[in-house]
Amino acid sequence: MARIRVIVPAALMLAALNPTLSPAAPAAGLQCSGTPAQYGAVIRQLEAGAARAQALAEQNPIYISDVEYYAAVLAEARRCAAVLLLGPVAANSP
């Protein structure tokens, strides 16, 4: 029950910041609508959840899917934060 209290607000906050997030979405198709500060707060919360899930997974393998979920959501949030902080990076064409 405590896990749900942590996961649900984090997922809702992330969805509110970017309703088009999906683990399969290409980096070029990101539509990050939050501010860097909002993504920073979400990332900190998700990192804490990921650490708890990792600790639980070390005790019981049933929590491995939680670890994978957090890894996917964190990767997406970090990509959005990087895009917002650094801006789009254009490749040089010869």
C-alpha atoms as a PDB file:
ATOM      1  CA  MET A   1       0.000   0.000   0.000  1.00  0.00           C
ATOM      2  CA  ALA A   2       2.828   2.408   0.784  1.00  0.00           C
ATOM      3  CA  ARG A   3       4.357   1.716  -2.606  1.00  0.00           C
ATOM      4  CA  ILE A   4       1.169   2.832  -4.320  1.00  0.00           C
ATOM      5  CA  ARG A   5       1.210   6.104  -2.361  1.00  0.00           C
ATOM      6  CA  VAL A   6       4.642   6.854  -3.814  1.00  0.00           C
ATOM      7  CA  ILE A   7       4.164   5.596  -7.364  1.00  0.00           C
ATOM      8  CA  VAL A   8       0.784   7.191  -8.063  1.00  0.00           C
ATOM      9  CA  PRO A   9       1.757  10.824  -7.273  1.00  0.00           C
ATOM     10  CA  ALA A  10       5.020  10.486  -9.197  1.00  0.00           C
ATOM     11  CA  ALA A  11       3.261   9.019 -12.217  1.00  0.00           C
ATOM     12  CA  LEU A  12       0.531  11.658 -12.083  1.00  0.00           C
ATOM     13  CA  MET A  13       3.068  14.461 -11.819  1.00  0.00           C
ATOM     14  CA  LEU A  14       5.037  13.099 -14.747  1.00  0.00           C
ATOM     15  CA  ALA A  15       1.878  12.624 -16.808  1.00  0.00           C
ATOM     16  CA  ALA A  16       0.809  16.176 -16.039  1.00  0.00           C
ATOM     17  CA  LEU A  17       4.164  17.454 -17.225  1.00  0.00           C
ATOM     18  CA  ASN A  18       4.120  15.377 -20.401  1.00  0.00           C
ATOM     19  CA  PRO A  19       1.004  13.415 -21.374  1.00  0.00           C
ATOM     20  CA  THR A  20       2.682  11.865 -24.435  1.00  0.00           C
ATOM     21  CA  LEU A  21       5.439  10.001 -22.571  1.00  0.00           C
ATOM     22  CA  SER A  22       5.955   6.383 -23.433  1.00  0.00           C
ATOM     23  CA  PRO A  23       9.057   4.203 -23.095  1.00  0.00           C
ATOM     24  CA  ALA A  24       8.973   3.423 -26.827  1.00  0.00           C
ATOM     25  CA  ALA A  25       8.801   7.070 -27.952  1.00  0.00           C
ATOM     26  CA  PRO A  26      11.845   8.170 -29.938  1.00  0.00           C
ATOM     27  CA  ALA A  27      13.956  10.978 -28.508  1.00  0.00           C
ATOM     28  CA  ALA A  28      13.183  13.176 -31.517  1.00  0.00           C
ATOM     29  CA  GLY A  29       9.441  12.911 -30.792  1.00  0.00           C
ATOM     30  CA  LEU A  30       9.615  14.191 -27.207  1.00  0.00           C
ATOM     31  CA  GLN A  31       7.120  16.860 -26.298  1.00  0.00           C
ATOM     32  CA  CYS A  32       8.319  18.097 -22.943  1.00  0.00           C
ATOM     33  CA  SER A  33       5.927  20.659 -21.556  1.00  0.00           C
ATOM     34  CA  GLY A  34       7.251  21.155 -18.018  1.00  0.00           C
ATOM     35  CA  THR A  35       9.957  23.462 -16.766  1.00  0.00           C
ATOM     36  CA  PRO A  36      13.451  22.234 -15.885  1.00  0.00           C
ATOM     37  CA  ALA A  37      12.638  22.812 -12.201  1.00  0.00           C
ATOM     38  CA  GLN A  38       9.507  20.657 -12.456  1.00  0.00           C
ATOM     39  CA  TYR A  39      11.427  17.866 -14.141  1.00  0.00           C
ATOM     40  CA  GLY A  40      14.136  18.154 -11.493  1.00  0.00           C
ATOM     41  CA  ALA A  41      11.558  17.653  -8.750  1.00  0.00           C
ATOM     42  CA  VAL A  42      10.023  14.678 -10.557  1.00  0.00           C
ATOM     43  CA  ILE A  43      13.446  13.127 -11.138  1.00  0.00           C
ATOM     44  CA  ARG A  44      14.364  13.444  -7.457  1.00  0.00           C
ATOM     45  CA  GLN A  45      11.098  11.796  -6.429  1.00  0.00           C
ATOM     46  CA  LEU A  46      11.498   9.010  -8.977  1.00  0.00           C
ATOM     47  CA  GLU A  47      15.120   8.410  -7.942  1.00  0.00           C
ATOM     48  CA  ALA A  48      13.981   7.923  -4.356  1.00  0.00           C
ATOM     49  CA  GLY A  49      11.313   5.475  -5.519  1.00  0.00           C
ATOM     50  CA  ALA A  50      13.849   3.658  -7.681  1.00  0.00           C
ATOM     51  CA  ALA A  51      16.188   3.256  -4.720  1.00  0.00           C
ATOM     52  CA  ARG A  52      13.368   1.824  -2.586  1.00  0.00           C
ATOM     53  CA  ALA A  53      12.336  -0.531  -5.400  1.00  0.00           C
ATOM     54  CA  GLN A  54      15.944  -1.669  -5.842  1.00  0.00           C
ATOM     55  CA  ALA A  55      16.241  -2.411  -2.131  1.00  0.00           C
ATOM     56  CA  LEU A  56      13.012  -4.401  -2.234  1.00  0.00           C
ATOM     57  CA  ALA A  57      14.109  -6.253  -5.385  1.00  0.00           C
ATOM     58  CA  GLU A  58      17.315  -7.348  -3.678  1.00  0.00           C
ATOM     59  CA  GLN A  59      15.172  -8.999  -1.002  1.00  0.00           C
ATOM     60  CA  ASN A  60      12.449 -10.335  -3.299  1.00  0.00           C
ATOM     61  CA  PRO A  61      12.727 -10.700  -7.116  1.00  0.00           C
ATOM     62  CA  ILE A  62       9.034  -9.918  -7.556  1.00  0.00           C
ATOM     63  CA  TYR A  63       9.988  -6.215  -7.359  1.00  0.00           C
ATOM     64  CA  ILE A  64      12.304  -6.334 -10.384  1.00  0.00           C
ATOM     65  CA  SER A  65       9.503  -5.055 -12.620  1.00  0.00           C
ATOM     66  CA  ASP A  66       9.215  -2.000 -10.348  1.00  0.00           C
ATOM     67  CA  VAL A  67      12.933  -1.336 -10.801  1.00  0.00           C
ATOM     68  CA  GLU A  68      12.534  -1.592 -14.582  1.00  0.00           C
ATOM     69  CA  TYR A  69       9.524   0.732 -14.508  1.00  0.00           C
ATOM     70  CA  TYR A  70      11.412   3.371 -12.561  1.00  0.00           C
ATOM     71  CA  ALA A  71      14.402   3.034 -14.915  1.00  0.00           C
ATOM     72  CA  ALA A  72      12.193   3.639 -17.969  1.00  0.00           C
ATOM     73  CA  VAL A  73      10.321   6.589 -16.475  1.00  0.00           C
ATOM     74  CA  LEU A  74      13.534   8.138 -15.139  1.00  0.00           C
ATOM     75  CA  ALA A  75      15.214   7.834 -18.536  1.00  0.00           C
ATOM     76  CA  GLU A  76      12.314   9.625 -20.194  1.00  0.00           C
ATOM     77  CA  ALA A  77      12.224  12.391 -17.572  1.00  0.00           C
ATOM     78  CA  ARG A  78      15.991  12.854 -17.841  1.00  0.00           C
ATOM     79  CA  ARG A  79      15.744  13.140 -21.641  1.00  0.00           C
ATOM     80  CA  CYS A  80      13.090  15.833 -21.282  1.00  0.00           C
ATOM     81  CA  ALA A  81      15.160  17.667 -18.670  1.00  0.00           C
ATOM     82  CA  ALA A  82      18.214  17.526 -20.932  1.00  0.00           C
ATOM     83  CA  VAL A  83      16.239  18.816 -23.914  1.00  0.00           C
ATOM     84  CA  LEU A  84      14.845  21.672 -21.852  1.00  0.00           C
ATOM     85  CA  LEU A  85      18.219  22.585 -20.337  1.00  0.00           C
ATOM     86  CA  LEU A  86      20.406  22.146 -23.406  1.00  0.00           C
ATOM     87  CA  GLY A  87      17.900  22.650 -26.202  1.00  0.00           C
ATOM     88  CA  PRO A  88      17.680  20.447 -29.258  1.00  0.00           C
ATOM     89  CA  VAL A  89      21.021  19.253 -30.570  1.00  0.00           C
ATOM     90  CA  ALA A  90      21.375  19.325 -34.333  1.00  0.00           C
ATOM     91  CA  ALA A  91      23.713  16.912 -36.069  1.00  0.00           C
ATOM     92  CA  ASN A  92      26.173  18.338 -38.550  1.00  0.00           C
ATOM     93  CA  SER A  93      25.534  17.086 -42.054  1.00  0.00           C
ATOM     94  CA  PRO A  94      28.404  16.933 -44.566  1.00  0.00           C
END
